[in-house]
C-alpha cells in the first residue's frame, strides 16, 4: 500500500509514503468529517490511497489572493 499526495489545486505530486501498516490516526484522517474524507481520499484498485492536499505554492498563492478560493484550479 502506498499513499500518494497530490495538490488539489494544481495537480502537483507532493509526495508518496510507502508503508504497509498505516492507520487513520497516524495519518490524521480521523480528524476529517465524512464529507471531507470522501472529497480528499480516493482508494484505487491496487490498494493505493490518493490524498488531495495543498502544495506550498498554492497555499502561498491563496494566502496572498484569498479570492482564488473561488477557483477549482490555480495556475502558477
PDB file of N, CA and C in Angstrom:
ATOM      1  N   UNK A   1       0.840  -1.170   0.000  1.00  0.00           N
ATOM      2  CA  UNK A   1       0.000   0.000   0.000  1.00  0.00           C
ATOM      3  C   UNK A   1       0.887   1.235   0.000  1.00  0.00           C
ATOM      4  N   UNK A   2       0.525   2.185  -0.836  1.00  0.00           N
ATOM      5  CA  UNK A   2       1.240   3.457  -0.879  1.00  0.00           C
ATOM      6  C   UNK A   2       0.227   4.589  -0.769  1.00  0.00           C
ATOM      7  N   UNK A   3       0.665   5.674  -0.182  1.00  0.00           N
ATOM      8  CA  UNK A   3      -0.147   6.884  -0.103  1.00  0.00           C
ATOM      9  C   UNK A   3       0.475   7.911  -1.028  1.00  0.00           C
ATOM     10  N   UNK A   4      -0.325   8.403  -1.948  1.00  0.00           N
ATOM     11  CA  UNK A   4       0.139   9.393  -2.907  1.00  0.00           C
ATOM     12  C   UNK A   4      -0.574  10.703  -2.608  1.00  0.00           C
ATOM     13  N   UNK A   5       0.199  11.741  -2.340  1.00  0.00           N
ATOM     14  CA  UNK A   5      -0.347  13.065  -2.052  1.00  0.00           C
ATOM     15  C   UNK A   5      -0.185  13.953  -3.280  1.00  0.00           C
ATOM     16  N   UNK A   6      -1.300  14.548  -3.719  1.00  0.00           N
ATOM     17  CA  UNK A   6      -1.310  15.451  -4.859  1.00  0.00           C
ATOM     18  C   UNK A   6      -2.020  16.739  -4.457  1.00  0.00           C
ATOM     19  N   UNK A   7      -1.609  17.847  -5.058  1.00  0.00           N
ATOM     20  CA  UNK A   7      -2.250  19.124  -4.776  1.00  0.00           C
ATOM     21  C   UNK A   7      -3.624  19.157  -5.444  1.00  0.00           C
ATOM     22  N   UNK A   8      -4.622  19.512  -4.680  1.00  0.00           N
ATOM     23  CA  UNK A   8      -5.981  19.578  -5.195  1.00  0.00           C
ATOM     24  C   UNK A   8      -6.176  20.734  -6.158  1.00  0.00           C
ATOM     25  N   UNK A   9      -5.281  21.719  -6.143  1.00  0.00           N
ATOM     26  CA  UNK A   9      -5.446  22.902  -6.974  1.00  0.00           C
ATOM     27  C   UNK A   9      -4.651  22.851  -8.274  1.00  0.00           C
ATOM     28  N   UNK A  10      -3.423  22.382  -8.232  1.00  0.00           N
ATOM     29  CA  UNK A  10      -2.583  22.386  -9.438  1.00  0.00           C
ATOM     30  C   UNK A  10      -2.212  20.992  -9.917  1.00  0.00           C
ATOM     31  N   UNK A  11      -2.496  19.964  -9.112  1.00  0.00           N
ATOM     32  CA  UNK A  11      -2.207  18.585  -9.516  1.00  0.00           C
ATOM     33  C   UNK A  11      -0.783  18.130  -9.282  1.00  0.00           C
ATOM     34  N   UNK A  12       0.060  18.978  -8.741  1.00  0.00           N
ATOM     35  CA  UNK A  12       1.455  18.629  -8.484  1.00  0.00           C
ATOM     36  C   UNK A  12       1.544  17.480  -7.482  1.00  0.00           C
ATOM     37  N   UNK A  13       2.447  16.541  -7.755  1.00  0.00           N
ATOM     38  CA  UNK A  13       2.684  15.456  -6.804  1.00  0.00           C
ATOM     39  C   UNK A  13       3.480  16.017  -5.631  1.00  0.00           C
ATOM     40  N   UNK A  14       2.916  15.888  -4.443  1.00  0.00           N
ATOM     41  CA  UNK A  14       3.558  16.406  -3.237  1.00  0.00           C
ATOM     42  C   UNK A  14       4.498  15.367  -2.649  1.00  0.00           C
ATOM     43  N   UNK A  15       4.091  14.112  -2.692  1.00  0.00           N
ATOM     44  CA  UNK A  15       4.947  13.059  -2.158  1.00  0.00           C
ATOM     45  C   UNK A  15       4.221  11.739  -2.064  1.00  0.00           C
ATOM     46  N   UNK A  16       4.973  10.701  -1.731  1.00  0.00           N
ATOM     47  CA  UNK A  16       4.439   9.349  -1.602  1.00  0.00           C
ATOM     48  C   UNK A  16       5.014   8.701  -0.356  1.00  0.00           C
ATOM     49  N   UNK A  17       4.161   8.013   0.383  1.00  0.00           N
ATOM     50  CA  UNK A  17       4.596   7.219   1.531  1.00  0.00           C
ATOM     51  C   UNK A  17       4.438   5.757   1.172  1.00  0.00           C
ATOM     52  N   UNK A  18       5.484   4.984   1.365  1.00  0.00           N
ATOM     53  CA  UNK A  18       5.446   3.549   1.120  1.00  0.00           C
ATOM     54  C   UNK A  18       5.545   2.839   2.465  1.00  0.00           C
ATOM     55  N   UNK A  19       4.432   2.371   2.946  1.00  0.00           N
ATOM     56  CA  UNK A  19       4.434   1.671   4.222  1.00  0.00           C
ATOM     57  C   UNK A  19       3.261   0.708   4.242  1.00  0.00           C
ATOM     58  N   UNK A  20       3.461  -0.454   4.788  1.00  0.00           N
ATOM     59  CA  UNK A  20       2.413  -1.470   4.779  1.00  0.00           C
ATOM     60  C   UNK A  20       1.364  -1.250   5.859  1.00  0.00           C
ATOM     61  N   UNK A  21       1.762  -0.707   6.992  1.00  0.00           N
ATOM     62  CA  UNK A  21       0.799  -0.553   8.079  1.00  0.00           C
ATOM     63  C   UNK A  21       0.721   0.892   8.529  1.00  0.00           C
ATOM     64  N   UNK A  22      -0.313   1.552   8.069  1.00  0.00           N
ATOM     65  CA  UNK A  22      -0.597   2.912   8.494  1.00  0.00           C
ATOM     66  C   UNK A  22      -2.066   2.961   8.881  1.00  0.00           C
ATOM     67  N   UNK A  23      -2.357   3.605   9.992  1.00  0.00           N
ATOM     68  CA  UNK A  23      -3.767   3.723  10.359  1.00  0.00           C
ATOM     69  C   UNK A  23      -4.210   5.175  10.230  1.00  0.00           C
ATOM     70  N   UNK A  24      -5.511   5.370  10.272  1.00  0.00           N
ATOM     71  CA  UNK A  24      -6.061   6.700  10.035  1.00  0.00           C
ATOM     72  C   UNK A  24      -5.613   7.711  11.095  1.00  0.00           C
ATOM     73  N   UNK A  25      -5.352   7.273  12.299  1.00  0.00           N
ATOM     74  CA  UNK A  25      -4.876   8.194  13.340  1.00  0.00           C
ATOM     75  C   UNK A  25      -3.455   8.665  13.055  1.00  0.00           C
ATOM     76  N   UNK A  26      -2.595   7.776  12.574  1.00  0.00           N
ATOM     77  CA  UNK A  26      -1.233   8.172  12.236  1.00  0.00           C
ATOM     78  C   UNK A  26      -1.229   9.186  11.092  1.00  0.00           C
ATOM     79  N   UNK A  27      -2.178   9.056  10.182  1.00  0.00           N
ATOM     80  CA  UNK A  27      -2.253   9.936   9.022  1.00  0.00           C
ATOM     81  C   UNK A  27      -3.076  11.191   9.274  1.00  0.00           C
ATOM     82  N   UNK A  28      -3.797  11.219  10.387  1.00  0.00           N
ATOM     83  CA  UNK A  28      -4.634  12.365  10.711  1.00  0.00           C
ATOM     84  C   UNK A  28      -6.005  12.325  10.062  1.00  0.00           C
ATOM     85  N   UNK A  29      -6.339  11.218   9.385  1.00  0.00           N
ATOM     86  CA  UNK A  29      -7.630  11.096   8.710  1.00  0.00           C
ATOM     87  C   UNK A  29      -8.790  11.094   9.704  1.00  0.00           C
ATOM     88  N   UNK A  30      -8.518  10.714  10.926  1.00  0.00           N
ATOM     89  CA  UNK A  30      -9.577  10.661  11.942  1.00  0.00           C
ATOM     90  C   UNK A  30     -10.099  12.061  12.294  1.00  0.00           C
ATOM     91  N   UNK A  31      -9.370  13.111  11.908  1.00  0.00           N
ATOM     92  CA  UNK A  31      -9.801  14.483  12.174  1.00  0.00           C
ATOM     93  C   UNK A  31     -10.736  15.017  11.090  1.00  0.00           C
ATOM     94  N   UNK A  32     -10.909  14.264  10.007  1.00  0.00           N
ATOM     95  CA  UNK A  32     -11.770  14.695   8.911  1.00  0.00           C
ATOM     96  C   UNK A  32     -13.197  14.228   9.144  1.00  0.00           C
ATOM     97  N   UNK A  33     -14.157  15.058   8.754  1.00  0.00           N
ATOM     98  CA  UNK A  33     -15.541  14.585   8.792  1.00  0.00           C
ATOM     99  C   UNK A  33     -15.779  13.735   7.545  1.00  0.00           C
ATOM    100  N   UNK A  34     -16.916  13.071   7.470  1.00  0.00           N
ATOM    101  CA  UNK A  34     -17.183  12.153   6.361  1.00  0.00           C
ATOM    102  C   UNK A  34     -17.159  12.845   5.010  1.00  0.00           C
ATOM    103  N   UNK A  35     -17.695  14.054   4.944  1.00  0.00           N
ATOM    104  CA  UNK A  35     -17.714  14.790   3.679  1.00  0.00           C
ATOM    105  C   UNK A  35     -16.302  15.111   3.201  1.00  0.00           C
ATOM    106  N   UNK A  36     -15.461  15.603   4.104  1.00  0.00           N
ATOM    107  CA  UNK A  36     -14.074  15.915   3.740  1.00  0.00           C
ATOM    108  C   UNK A  36     -13.311  14.650   3.373  1.00  0.00           C
ATOM    109  N   UNK A  37     -13.553  13.594   4.088  1.00  0.00           N
ATOM    110  CA  UNK A  37     -12.878  12.321   3.806  1.00  0.00           C
ATOM    111  C   UNK A  37     -13.217  11.836   2.405  1.00  0.00           C
ATOM    112  N   UNK A  38     -14.489  11.919   2.020  1.00  0.00           N
ATOM    113  CA  UNK A  38     -14.904  11.491   0.685  1.00  0.00           C
ATOM    114  C   UNK A  38     -14.321  12.396  -0.391  1.00  0.00           C
ATOM    115  N   UNK A  39     -14.175  13.678  -0.084  1.00  0.00           N
ATOM    116  CA  UNK A  39     -13.645  14.637  -1.045  1.00  0.00           C
ATOM    117  C   UNK A  39     -12.133  14.506  -1.215  1.00  0.00           C
ATOM    118  N   UNK A  40     -11.428  14.151  -0.159  1.00  0.00           N
ATOM    119  CA  UNK A  40      -9.971  14.197  -0.166  1.00  0.00           C
ATOM    120  C   UNK A  40      -9.277  12.860  -0.393  1.00  0.00           C
ATOM    121  N   UNK A  41      -9.943  11.740  -0.123  1.00  0.00           N
ATOM    122  CA  UNK A  41      -9.274  10.445  -0.136  1.00  0.00           C
ATOM    123  C   UNK A  41      -9.924   9.523  -1.167  1.00  0.00           C
ATOM    124  N   UNK A  42      -9.089   8.958  -2.038  1.00  0.00           N
ATOM    125  CA  UNK A  42      -9.566   8.028  -3.062  1.00  0.00           C
ATOM    126  C   UNK A  42      -8.728   6.754  -2.968  1.00  0.00           C
ATOM    127  N   UNK A  43      -9.392   5.625  -2.984  1.00  0.00           N
ATOM    128  CA  UNK A  43      -8.720   4.320  -2.960  1.00  0.00           C
ATOM    129  C   UNK A  43      -8.764   3.743  -4.366  1.00  0.00           C
ATOM    130  N   UNK A  44      -7.625   3.269  -4.875  1.00  0.00           N
ATOM    131  CA  UNK A  44      -7.632   2.675  -6.206  1.00  0.00           C
ATOM    132  C   UNK A  44      -7.652   1.155  -6.129  1.00  0.00           C
ATOM    133  N   UNK A  45      -7.767   0.513  -7.277  1.00  0.00           N
ATOM    134  CA  UNK A  45      -7.915  -0.946  -7.331  1.00  0.00           C
ATOM    135  C   UNK A  45      -6.652  -1.683  -6.890  1.00  0.00           C
ATOM    136  N   UNK A  46      -5.506  -1.023  -6.910  1.00  0.00           N
ATOM    137  CA  UNK A  46      -4.249  -1.648  -6.479  1.00  0.00           C
ATOM    138  C   UNK A  46      -4.063  -1.560  -4.970  1.00  0.00           C
ATOM    139  N   UNK A  47      -4.997  -0.899  -4.276  1.00  0.00           N
ATOM    140  CA  UNK A  47      -4.889  -0.758  -2.832  1.00  0.00           C
ATOM    141  C   UNK A  47      -4.164   0.491  -2.393  1.00  0.00           C
ATOM    142  N   UNK A  48      -3.754   1.319  -3.349  1.00  0.00           N
ATOM    143  CA  UNK A  48      -3.093   2.574  -3.005  1.00  0.00           C
ATOM    144  C   UNK A  48      -4.132   3.616  -2.631  1.00  0.00           C
ATOM    145  N   UNK A  49      -3.701   4.588  -1.863  1.00  0.00           N
ATOM    146  CA  UNK A  49      -4.566   5.672  -1.422  1.00  0.00           C
ATOM    147  C   UNK A  49      -4.047   6.965  -2.032  1.00  0.00           C
ATOM    148  N   UNK A  50      -4.944   7.742  -2.615  1.00  0.00           N
ATOM    149  CA  UNK A  50      -4.601   9.025  -3.212  1.00  0.00           C
ATOM    150  C   UNK A  50      -5.271  10.116  -2.385  1.00  0.00           C
ATOM    151  N   UNK A  51      -4.454  11.031  -1.874  1.00  0.00           N
ATOM    152  CA  UNK A  51      -4.944  12.079  -0.984  1.00  0.00           C
ATOM    153  C   UNK A  51      -4.786  13.436  -1.668  1.00  0.00           C
ATOM    154  N   UNK A  52      -5.874  14.188  -1.687  1.00  0.00           N
ATOM    155  CA  UNK A  52      -5.833  15.551  -2.208  1.00  0.00           C
ATOM    156  C   UNK A  52      -5.474  16.476  -1.056  1.00  0.00           C
ATOM    157  N   UNK A  53      -4.366  17.184  -1.215  1.00  0.00           N
ATOM    158  CA  UNK A  53      -3.893  18.119  -0.191  1.00  0.00           C
ATOM    159  C   UNK A  53      -3.646  19.459  -0.879  1.00  0.00           C
ATOM    160  N   UNK A  54      -2.764  20.261  -0.350  1.00  0.00           N
ATOM    161  CA  UNK A  54      -2.420  21.540  -0.976  1.00  0.00           C
ATOM    162  C   UNK A  54      -0.905  21.718  -0.904  1.00  0.00           C
ATOM    163  N   UNK A  55      -0.316  22.081  -2.042  1.00  0.00           N
ATOM    164  CA  UNK A  55       1.134  22.272  -2.079  1.00  0.00           C
ATOM    165  C   UNK A  55       1.487  23.653  -1.515  1.00  0.00           C
ATOM    166  N   UNK A  56       2.756  23.860  -1.243  1.00  0.00           N
ATOM    167  CA  UNK A  56       3.214  25.118  -0.652  1.00  0.00           C
ATOM    168  C   UNK A  56       2.950  26.302  -1.573  1.00  0.00           C
ATOM    169  N   UNK A  57       3.145  26.111  -2.879  1.00  0.00           N
ATOM    170  CA  UNK A  57       2.942  27.211  -3.825  1.00  0.00           C
ATOM    171  C   UNK A  57       1.485  27.654  -3.852  1.00  0.00           C
ATOM    172  N   UNK A  58       0.559  26.707  -3.909  1.00  0.00           N
ATOM    173  CA  UNK A  58      -0.865  27.053  -3.919  1.00  0.00           C
ATOM    174  C   UNK A  58      -1.291  27.651  -2.582  1.00  0.00           C
ATOM    175  N   UNK A  59      -0.767  27.127  -1.503  1.00  0.00           N
ATOM    176  CA  UNK A  59      -1.081  27.680  -0.182  1.00  0.00           C
ATOM    177  C   UNK A  59      -0.648  29.147  -0.098  1.00  0.00           C
ATOM    178  N   UNK A  60       0.546  29.416  -0.575  1.00  0.00           N
ATOM    179  CA  UNK A  60       1.057  30.780  -0.564  1.00  0.00           C
ATOM    180  C   UNK A  60       0.213  31.681  -1.471  1.00  0.00           C
ATOM    181  N   UNK A  61      -0.155  31.179  -2.647  1.00  0.00           N
ATOM    182  CA  UNK A  61      -0.999  31.961  -3.563  1.00  0.00           C
ATOM    183  C   UNK A  61      -2.346  32.279  -2.946  1.00  0.00           C
ATOM    184  N   UNK A  62      -2.931  31.316  -2.254  1.00  0.00           N
ATOM    185  CA  UNK A  62      -4.223  31.522  -1.617  1.00  0.00           C
ATOM    186  C   UNK A  62      -4.129  32.516  -0.464  1.00  0.00           C
ATOM    187  N   UNK A  63      -3.019  32.528   0.246  1.00  0.00           N
ATOM    188  CA  UNK A  63      -2.845  33.490   1.330  1.00  0.00           C
ATOM    189  C   UNK A  63      -2.726  34.914   0.799  1.00  0.00           C
ATOM    190  N   UNK A  64      -2.028  35.062  -0.333  1.00  0.00           N
ATOM    191  CA  UNK A  64      -1.855  36.389  -0.926  1.00  0.00           C
ATOM    192  C   UNK A  64      -3.107  36.857  -1.658  1.00  0.00           C
ATOM    193  N   UNK A  65      -3.862  35.911  -2.211  1.00  0.00           N
ATOM    194  CA  UNK A  65      -5.037  36.231  -3.027  1.00  0.00           C
ATOM    195  C   UNK A  65      -6.223  35.377  -2.585  1.00  0.00           C
ATOM    196  N   UNK A  66      -6.881  35.721  -1.507  1.00  0.00           N
ATOM    197  CA  UNK A  66      -7.978  34.899  -0.984  1.00  0.00           C
ATOM    198  C   UNK A  66      -9.126  34.683  -1.974  1.00  0.00           C
ATOM    199  N   UNK A  67      -9.280  35.575  -2.952  1.00  0.00           N
ATOM    200  CA  UNK A  67     -10.342  35.400  -3.940  1.00  0.00           C
ATOM    201  C   UNK A  67     -10.114  34.184  -4.834  1.00  0.00           C
ATOM    202  N   UNK A  68      -8.911  33.633  -4.835  1.00  0.00           N
ATOM    203  CA  UNK A  68      -8.621  32.431  -5.621  1.00  0.00           C
ATOM    204  C   UNK A  68      -9.358  31.200  -5.083  1.00  0.00           C
ATOM    205  N   UNK A  69      -9.870  31.272  -3.871  1.00  0.00           N
ATOM    206  CA  UNK A  69     -10.627  30.150  -3.301  1.00  0.00           C
ATOM    207  C   UNK A  69     -11.847  29.824  -4.146  1.00  0.00           C
ATOM    208  N   UNK A  70     -12.296  30.775  -4.959  1.00  0.00           N
ATOM    209  CA  UNK A  70     -13.461  30.559  -5.815  1.00  0.00           C
ATOM    210  C   UNK A  70     -13.144  29.612  -6.975  1.00  0.00           C
ATOM    211  N   UNK A  71     -11.857  29.435  -7.295  1.00  0.00           N
ATOM    212  CA  UNK A  71     -11.438  28.610  -8.428  1.00  0.00           C
ATOM    213  C   UNK A  71     -11.125  27.188  -7.987  1.00  0.00           C
ATOM    214  N   UNK A  72     -11.435  26.234  -8.862  1.00  0.00           N
ATOM    215  CA  UNK A  72     -11.081  24.838  -8.590  1.00  0.00           C
ATOM    216  C   UNK A  72      -9.579  24.598  -8.772  1.00  0.00           C
ATOM    217  N   UNK A  73      -8.982  25.278  -9.744  1.00  0.00           N
ATOM    218  CA  UNK A  73      -7.573  25.083 -10.046  1.00  0.00           C
ATOM    219  C   UNK A  73      -6.844  26.415 -10.011  1.00  0.00           C
ATOM    220  N   UNK A  74      -5.610  26.377  -9.570  1.00  0.00           N
ATOM    221  CA  UNK A  74      -4.765  27.566  -9.527  1.00  0.00           C
ATOM    222  C   UNK A  74      -3.572  27.291 -10.424  1.00  0.00           C
ATOM    223  N   UNK A  75      -3.336  28.167 -11.360  1.00  0.00           N
ATOM    224  CA  UNK A  75      -2.183  28.031 -12.232  1.00  0.00           C
ATOM    225  C   UNK A  75      -1.122  29.000 -11.747  1.00  0.00           C
ATOM    226  N   UNK A  76       0.080  28.465 -11.482  1.00  0.00           N
ATOM    227  CA  UNK A  76       1.179  29.341 -11.049  1.00  0.00           C
ATOM    228  C   UNK A  76       2.446  28.950 -11.739  1.00  0.00           C
TER     229      UNK A  76
END
